[in-house]
Amino acid sequence: MNKKKKYITVILILIICAVAVVLAIKAYKIYSSTLMNKQLNSQQAADKSLSSSENNEKNNKSSHKNITVMPGEPEENNSFQFMDTIHGNNVFLKKDVNDMDGKTVGYITKKLLDEAKIDYTATGTDSILHFSAINGRVEKKAGNLSGWCYYVRKKGESKFIKPDVESGQWIYHTGDTVVWRYVQNSAHDGYSGAVK
């Protein structure tokens, strides 16, 4: 009788564990799907807002910041660039990326920094990846609001946007330009040009 109770208990525990694993997998899929939908909605809103801004810039309702870039910055021929704007606009890595279409900016950033053997500190999972230090430039070391921000100029566009999602959520497309900047005030646009 005791053996029978033990077997039943073990079987119940296994069933409960299996159900917990299935629920965890479903929860992760729902979470991932939600993050992807958020990014798609964000990008669609940015596209729509950028289109409407051409017709009426005063009514631009984008959740991103449109940035006027000074001539010659960043270089057109490098799809990923890393720049320290606090210490003399020092560009310490430029890389053209042609085979990463559909990957996230965070994934590509980690890959490029690893290949260049540049130290960095990144926290969070792939979808909520946050870079707190790159090449010895650490957030909040140059002031309370200092840190790393990334900016994206989509293929065919003339202006950069500052996405409102972490780099692990923004999808890179061939022809886009991504600029990582170490800035004094991460709440500011990060460029010397005017914010529109």
C-alpha atoms as a PDB file:
ATOM      1  CA  MET A   1       0.000   0.000   0.000  1.00  0.00           C
ATOM      2  CA  ASN A   2       2.842   2.407   0.875  1.00  0.00           C
ATOM      3  CA  LYS A   3       4.582   1.599  -2.421  1.00  0.00           C
ATOM      4  CA  LYS A   4       1.408   2.371  -4.329  1.00  0.00           C
ATOM      5  CA  LYS A   5       1.097   5.779  -2.588  1.00  0.00           C
ATOM      6  CA  LYS A   6       4.748   6.554  -3.377  1.00  0.00           C
ATOM      7  CA  TYR A   7       4.250   5.721  -7.069  1.00  0.00           C
ATOM      8  CA  ILE A   8       1.117   7.844  -7.228  1.00  0.00           C
ATOM      9  CA  THR A   9       2.934  10.719  -5.491  1.00  0.00           C
ATOM     10  CA  VAL A  10       5.881  10.485  -7.903  1.00  0.00           C
ATOM     11  CA  ILE A  11       3.552  10.382 -10.906  1.00  0.00           C
ATOM     12  CA  LEU A  12       1.629  13.420  -9.621  1.00  0.00           C
ATOM     13  CA  ILE A  13       4.857  15.334  -9.092  1.00  0.00           C
ATOM     14  CA  LEU A  14       6.018  14.493 -12.628  1.00  0.00           C
ATOM     15  CA  ILE A  15       2.677  15.602 -14.071  1.00  0.00           C
ATOM     16  CA  ILE A  16       2.812  18.880 -12.122  1.00  0.00           C
ATOM     17  CA  CYS A  17       6.398  19.507 -13.314  1.00  0.00           C
ATOM     18  CA  ALA A  18       5.433  18.779 -16.922  1.00  0.00           C
ATOM     19  CA  VAL A  19       2.478  21.175 -16.716  1.00  0.00           C
ATOM     20  CA  ALA A  20       4.707  23.843 -15.151  1.00  0.00           C
ATOM     21  CA  VAL A  21       7.246  23.489 -17.980  1.00  0.00           C
ATOM     22  CA  VAL A  22       4.538  23.719 -20.649  1.00  0.00           C
ATOM     23  CA  LEU A  23       3.069  26.827 -18.970  1.00  0.00           C
ATOM     24  CA  ALA A  24       6.525  28.406 -18.698  1.00  0.00           C
ATOM     25  CA  ILE A  25       7.166  27.824 -22.405  1.00  0.00           C
ATOM     26  CA  LYS A  26       3.785  29.313 -23.323  1.00  0.00           C
ATOM     27  CA  ALA A  27       4.410  32.321 -21.068  1.00  0.00           C
ATOM     28  CA  TYR A  28       7.810  32.904 -22.695  1.00  0.00           C
ATOM     29  CA  LYS A  29       6.278  32.717 -26.186  1.00  0.00           C
ATOM     30  CA  ILE A  30       3.568  35.195 -25.197  1.00  0.00           C
ATOM     31  CA  TYR A  31       6.191  37.508 -23.665  1.00  0.00           C
ATOM     32  CA  SER A  32       8.393  37.321 -26.790  1.00  0.00           C
ATOM     33  CA  SER A  33       5.416  37.894 -29.053  1.00  0.00           C
ATOM     34  CA  THR A  34       4.376  40.925 -27.003  1.00  0.00           C
ATOM     35  CA  LEU A  35       7.865  42.437 -27.257  1.00  0.00           C
ATOM     36  CA  MET A  36       7.993  41.875 -31.004  1.00  0.00           C
ATOM     37  CA  ASN A  37       4.528  43.428 -31.424  1.00  0.00           C
ATOM     38  CA  LYS A  38       5.626  46.411 -29.362  1.00  0.00           C
ATOM     39  CA  GLN A  39       8.627  46.934 -31.625  1.00  0.00           C
ATOM     40  CA  LEU A  40       6.604  46.523 -34.809  1.00  0.00           C
ATOM     41  CA  ASN A  41       4.028  49.007 -33.534  1.00  0.00           C
ATOM     42  CA  SER A  42       6.793  51.384 -32.531  1.00  0.00           C
ATOM     43  CA  GLN A  43       8.467  51.153 -35.934  1.00  0.00           C
ATOM     44  CA  GLN A  44       5.148  51.530 -37.761  1.00  0.00           C
ATOM     45  CA  ALA A  45       4.319  54.561 -35.648  1.00  0.00           C
ATOM     46  CA  ALA A  46       7.739  56.023 -36.455  1.00  0.00           C
ATOM     47  CA  ASP A  47       7.270  55.351 -40.180  1.00  0.00           C
ATOM     48  CA  LYS A  48       3.796  56.885 -40.140  1.00  0.00           C
ATOM     49  CA  SER A  49       4.995  59.836 -38.113  1.00  0.00           C
ATOM     50  CA  LEU A  50       7.971  60.431 -40.390  1.00  0.00           C
ATOM     51  CA  SER A  51       5.681  60.330 -43.448  1.00  0.00           C
ATOM     52  CA  SER A  52       3.230  62.768 -41.925  1.00  0.00           C
ATOM     53  CA  SER A  53       6.064  65.028 -40.804  1.00  0.00           C
ATOM     54  CA  GLU A  54       6.962  65.584 -44.441  1.00  0.00           C
ATOM     55  CA  ASN A  55       3.444  66.932 -44.995  1.00  0.00           C
ATOM     56  CA  ASN A  56       3.140  68.785 -41.709  1.00  0.00           C
ATOM     57  CA  GLU A  57       6.171  68.853 -39.408  1.00  0.00           C
ATOM     58  CA  LYS A  58       4.271  70.776 -36.740  1.00  0.00           C
ATOM     59  CA  ASN A  59       1.953  67.818 -36.132  1.00  0.00           C
ATOM     60  CA  ASN A  60       4.685  65.215 -35.705  1.00  0.00           C
ATOM     61  CA  LYS A  61       3.400  62.845 -33.019  1.00  0.00           C
ATOM     62  CA  SER A  62       6.259  60.308 -33.143  1.00  0.00           C
ATOM     63  CA  SER A  63       7.336  58.558 -29.964  1.00  0.00           C
ATOM     64  CA  HIS A  64      10.896  58.876 -31.294  1.00  0.00           C
ATOM     65  CA  LYS A  65      13.031  61.972 -31.507  1.00  0.00           C
ATOM     66  CA  ASN A  66      13.859  63.115 -35.022  1.00  0.00           C
ATOM     67  CA  ILE A  67      17.387  64.414 -35.200  1.00  0.00           C
ATOM     68  CA  THR A  68      19.034  66.702 -37.696  1.00  0.00           C
ATOM     69  CA  VAL A  69      22.538  65.386 -38.229  1.00  0.00           C
ATOM     70  CA  MET A  70      25.406  67.741 -38.915  1.00  0.00           C
ATOM     71  CA  PRO A  71      26.984  67.346 -42.399  1.00  0.00           C
ATOM     72  CA  GLY A  72      29.422  64.454 -42.661  1.00  0.00           C
ATOM     73  CA  GLU A  73      28.306  62.808 -39.441  1.00  0.00           C
ATOM     74  CA  PRO A  74      28.020  59.914 -39.288  1.00  0.00           C
ATOM     75  CA  GLU A  75      29.797  58.516 -42.310  1.00  0.00           C
ATOM     76  CA  GLU A  76      27.501  57.030 -44.907  1.00  0.00           C
ATOM     77  CA  ASN A  77      29.662  53.989 -45.617  1.00  0.00           C
ATOM     78  CA  ASN A  78      29.575  52.487 -42.123  1.00  0.00           C
ATOM     79  CA  SER A  79      26.303  50.947 -41.007  1.00  0.00           C
ATOM     80  CA  PHE A  80      27.434  50.662 -37.338  1.00  0.00           C
ATOM     81  CA  GLN A  81      29.500  53.313 -35.563  1.00  0.00           C
ATOM     82  CA  PHE A  82      30.544  53.812 -31.947  1.00  0.00           C
ATOM     83  CA  MET A  83      31.411  57.313 -30.788  1.00  0.00           C
ATOM     84  CA  ASP A  84      32.415  58.992 -27.528  1.00  0.00           C
ATOM     85  CA  THR A  85      30.884  62.476 -27.816  1.00  0.00           C
ATOM     86  CA  ILE A  86      32.018  63.526 -24.337  1.00  0.00           C
ATOM     87  CA  HIS A  87      35.737  63.223 -25.042  1.00  0.00           C
ATOM     88  CA  GLY A  88      36.096  64.886 -28.440  1.00  0.00           C
ATOM     89  CA  ASN A  89      33.740  62.908 -30.695  1.00  0.00           C
ATOM     90  CA  ASN A  90      36.163  59.989 -30.696  1.00  0.00           C
ATOM     91  CA  VAL A  91      34.949  57.293 -33.112  1.00  0.00           C
ATOM     92  CA  PHE A  92      36.550  54.074 -31.932  1.00  0.00           C
ATOM     93  CA  LEU A  93      34.753  51.510 -34.092  1.00  0.00           C
ATOM     94  CA  LYS A  94      33.210  51.666 -37.566  1.00  0.00           C
ATOM     95  CA  LYS A  95      31.841  48.596 -39.274  1.00  0.00           C
ATOM     96  CA  ASP A  96      29.758  47.952 -42.352  1.00  0.00           C
ATOM     97  CA  VAL A  97      27.231  45.176 -41.716  1.00  0.00           C
ATOM     98  CA  ASN A  98      25.734  43.472 -44.738  1.00  0.00           C
ATOM     99  CA  ASP A  99      24.669  40.032 -43.522  1.00  0.00           C
ATOM    100  CA  MET A 100      22.671  40.873 -40.395  1.00  0.00           C
ATOM    101  CA  ASP A 101      19.278  41.785 -41.843  1.00  0.00           C
ATOM    102  CA  GLY A 102      16.529  40.850 -39.376  1.00  0.00           C
ATOM    103  CA  LYS A 103      18.836  40.655 -36.350  1.00  0.00           C
ATOM    104  CA  THR A 104      18.431  43.020 -33.419  1.00  0.00           C
ATOM    105  CA  VAL A 105      20.687  46.027 -32.899  1.00  0.00           C
ATOM    106  CA  GLY A 106      21.671  44.553 -29.517  1.00  0.00           C
ATOM    107  CA  TYR A 107      22.700  41.220 -31.032  1.00  0.00           C
ATOM    108  CA  ILE A 108      24.763  42.915 -33.762  1.00  0.00           C
ATOM    109  CA  THR A 109      26.341  45.299 -31.251  1.00  0.00           C
ATOM    110  CA  LYS A 110      27.507  42.437 -29.039  1.00  0.00           C
ATOM    111  CA  LYS A 111      28.860  40.564 -32.070  1.00  0.00           C
ATOM    112  CA  LEU A 112      30.786  43.591 -33.368  1.00  0.00           C
ATOM    113  CA  LEU A 113      32.250  44.435 -29.962  1.00  0.00           C
ATOM    114  CA  ASP A 114      33.270  40.803 -29.407  1.00  0.00           C
ATOM    115  CA  GLU A 115      34.928  40.605 -32.842  1.00  0.00           C
ATOM    116  CA  ALA A 116      36.815  43.863 -32.195  1.00  0.00           C
ATOM    117  CA  LYS A 117      37.759  42.650 -28.692  1.00  0.00           C
ATOM    118  CA  ILE A 118      36.260  45.770 -27.116  1.00  0.00           C
ATOM    119  CA  ASP A 119      35.138  45.414 -23.499  1.00  0.00           C
ATOM    120  CA  TYR A 120      31.509  46.119 -22.685  1.00  0.00           C
ATOM    121  CA  THR A 121      28.925  45.532 -19.979  1.00  0.00           C
ATOM    122  CA  ALA A 122      25.438  44.528 -21.040  1.00  0.00           C
ATOM    123  CA  THR A 123      22.572  43.618 -18.740  1.00  0.00           C
ATOM    124  CA  GLY A 124      19.256  41.934 -19.340  1.00  0.00           C
ATOM    125  CA  THR A 125      18.226  39.224 -21.748  1.00  0.00           C
ATOM    126  CA  ASP A 126      18.497  39.472 -25.514  1.00  0.00           C
ATOM    127  CA  SER A 127      15.134  41.223 -25.853  1.00  0.00           C
ATOM    128  CA  ILE A 128      15.743  43.800 -23.101  1.00  0.00           C
ATOM    129  CA  LEU A 129      19.477  44.197 -23.617  1.00  0.00           C
ATOM    130  CA  HIS A 130      20.976  47.362 -22.108  1.00  0.00           C
ATOM    131  CA  PHE A 131      24.583  48.490 -22.604  1.00  0.00           C
ATOM    132  CA  SER A 132      25.883  50.268 -19.515  1.00  0.00           C
ATOM    133  CA  ALA A 133      29.557  50.383 -20.540  1.00  0.00           C
ATOM    134  CA  ILE A 134      31.453  50.182 -23.825  1.00  0.00           C
ATOM    135  CA  ASN A 135      35.205  50.584 -24.269  1.00  0.00           C
ATOM    136  CA  GLY A 136      35.690  51.937 -20.747  1.00  0.00           C
ATOM    137  CA  ARG A 137      32.944  54.559 -21.059  1.00  0.00           C
ATOM    138  CA  VAL A 138      30.526  53.786 -18.228  1.00  0.00           C
ATOM    139  CA  GLU A 139      27.072  55.288 -17.759  1.00  0.00           C
ATOM    140  CA  LYS A 140      26.790  57.884 -14.981  1.00  0.00           C
ATOM    141  CA  LYS A 141      30.608  58.283 -14.827  1.00  0.00           C
ATOM    142  CA  ALA A 142      30.505  61.558 -16.755  1.00  0.00           C
ATOM    143  CA  GLY A 143      27.419  62.878 -14.940  1.00  0.00           C
ATOM    144  CA  ASN A 144      24.167  61.456 -13.606  1.00  0.00           C
ATOM    145  CA  LEU A 145      22.544  61.324 -17.060  1.00  0.00           C
ATOM    146  CA  SER A 146      25.584  60.197 -19.038  1.00  0.00           C
ATOM    147  CA  GLY A 147      25.451  56.909 -20.877  1.00  0.00           C
ATOM    148  CA  TRP A 148      25.106  55.059 -24.154  1.00  0.00           C
ATOM    149  CA  CYS A 149      22.297  55.783 -26.617  1.00  0.00           C
ATOM    150  CA  TYR A 150      21.761  54.369 -30.060  1.00  0.00           C
ATOM    151  CA  TYR A 151      20.258  56.161 -33.034  1.00  0.00           C
ATOM    152  CA  VAL A 152      18.884  54.682 -36.251  1.00  0.00           C
ATOM    153  CA  ARG A 153      18.579  56.194 -39.682  1.00  0.00           C
ATOM    154  CA  LYS A 154      16.441  53.868 -41.754  1.00  0.00           C
ATOM    155  CA  LYS A 155      17.401  53.198 -45.351  1.00  0.00           C
ATOM    156  CA  GLY A 156      16.165  56.015 -47.578  1.00  0.00           C
ATOM    157  CA  GLU A 157      15.532  58.412 -44.668  1.00  0.00           C
ATOM    158  CA  SER A 158      17.469  61.614 -44.026  1.00  0.00           C
ATOM    159  CA  LYS A 159      16.932  61.826 -40.277  1.00  0.00           C
ATOM    160  CA  PHE A 160      17.901  59.677 -37.334  1.00  0.00           C
ATOM    161  CA  ILE A 161      15.444  58.504 -34.717  1.00  0.00           C
ATOM    162  CA  LYS A 162      16.162  57.656 -31.123  1.00  0.00           C
ATOM    163  CA  PRO A 163      14.131  54.458 -30.606  1.00  0.00           C
ATOM    164  CA  ASP A 164      12.089  54.195 -27.430  1.00  0.00           C
ATOM    165  CA  VAL A 165      12.944  50.497 -27.005  1.00  0.00           C
ATOM    166  CA  GLU A 166      16.112  48.746 -25.858  1.00  0.00           C
ATOM    167  CA  SER A 167      18.583  47.694 -28.543  1.00  0.00           C
ATOM    168  CA  GLY A 168      17.566  44.067 -28.069  1.00  0.00           C
ATOM    169  CA  GLN A 169      14.131  44.891 -29.455  1.00  0.00           C
ATOM    170  CA  TRP A 170      14.991  47.029 -32.492  1.00  0.00           C
ATOM    171  CA  ILE A 171      15.360  45.058 -35.728  1.00  0.00           C
ATOM    172  CA  TYR A 172      18.155  46.090 -38.087  1.00  0.00           C
ATOM    173  CA  HIS A 173      17.541  46.086 -41.850  1.00  0.00           C
ATOM    174  CA  THR A 174      20.252  46.198 -44.496  1.00  0.00           C
ATOM    175  CA  GLY A 175      20.869  49.802 -45.496  1.00  0.00           C
ATOM    176  CA  ASP A 176      20.065  51.233 -42.059  1.00  0.00           C
ATOM    177  CA  THR A 177      22.711  53.225 -40.201  1.00  0.00           C
ATOM    178  CA  VAL A 178      23.099  52.708 -36.439  1.00  0.00           C
ATOM    179  CA  VAL A 179      25.204  55.058 -34.329  1.00  0.00           C
ATOM    180  CA  TRP A 180      26.036  54.348 -30.687  1.00  0.00           C
ATOM    181  CA  ARG A 181      26.972  57.514 -28.790  1.00  0.00           C
ATOM    182  CA  TYR A 182      28.347  58.004 -25.315  1.00  0.00           C
ATOM    183  CA  VAL A 183      26.581  61.215 -24.317  1.00  0.00           C
ATOM    184  CA  GLN A 184      26.633  63.611 -21.386  1.00  0.00           C
ATOM    185  CA  ASN A 185      22.861  63.729 -21.172  1.00  0.00           C
ATOM    186  CA  SER A 186      21.043  60.623 -22.416  1.00  0.00           C
ATOM    187  CA  ALA A 187      17.720  62.492 -22.159  1.00  0.00           C
ATOM    188  CA  HIS A 188      19.011  64.878 -24.854  1.00  0.00           C
ATOM    189  CA  ASP A 189      19.097  63.859 -28.514  1.00  0.00           C
ATOM    190  CA  GLY A 190      22.858  63.170 -28.494  1.00  0.00           C
ATOM    191  CA  TYR A 191      23.561  65.200 -31.615  1.00  0.00           C
ATOM    192  CA  SER A 192      24.584  68.817 -31.884  1.00  0.00           C
ATOM    193  CA  GLY A 193      21.837  69.392 -34.424  1.00  0.00           C
ATOM    194  CA  ALA A 194      18.386  70.613 -33.506  1.00  0.00           C
ATOM    195  CA  VAL A 195      15.659  68.231 -32.422  1.00  0.00           C
ATOM    196  CA  LYS A 196      12.550  68.537 -34.566  1.00  0.00           C
END
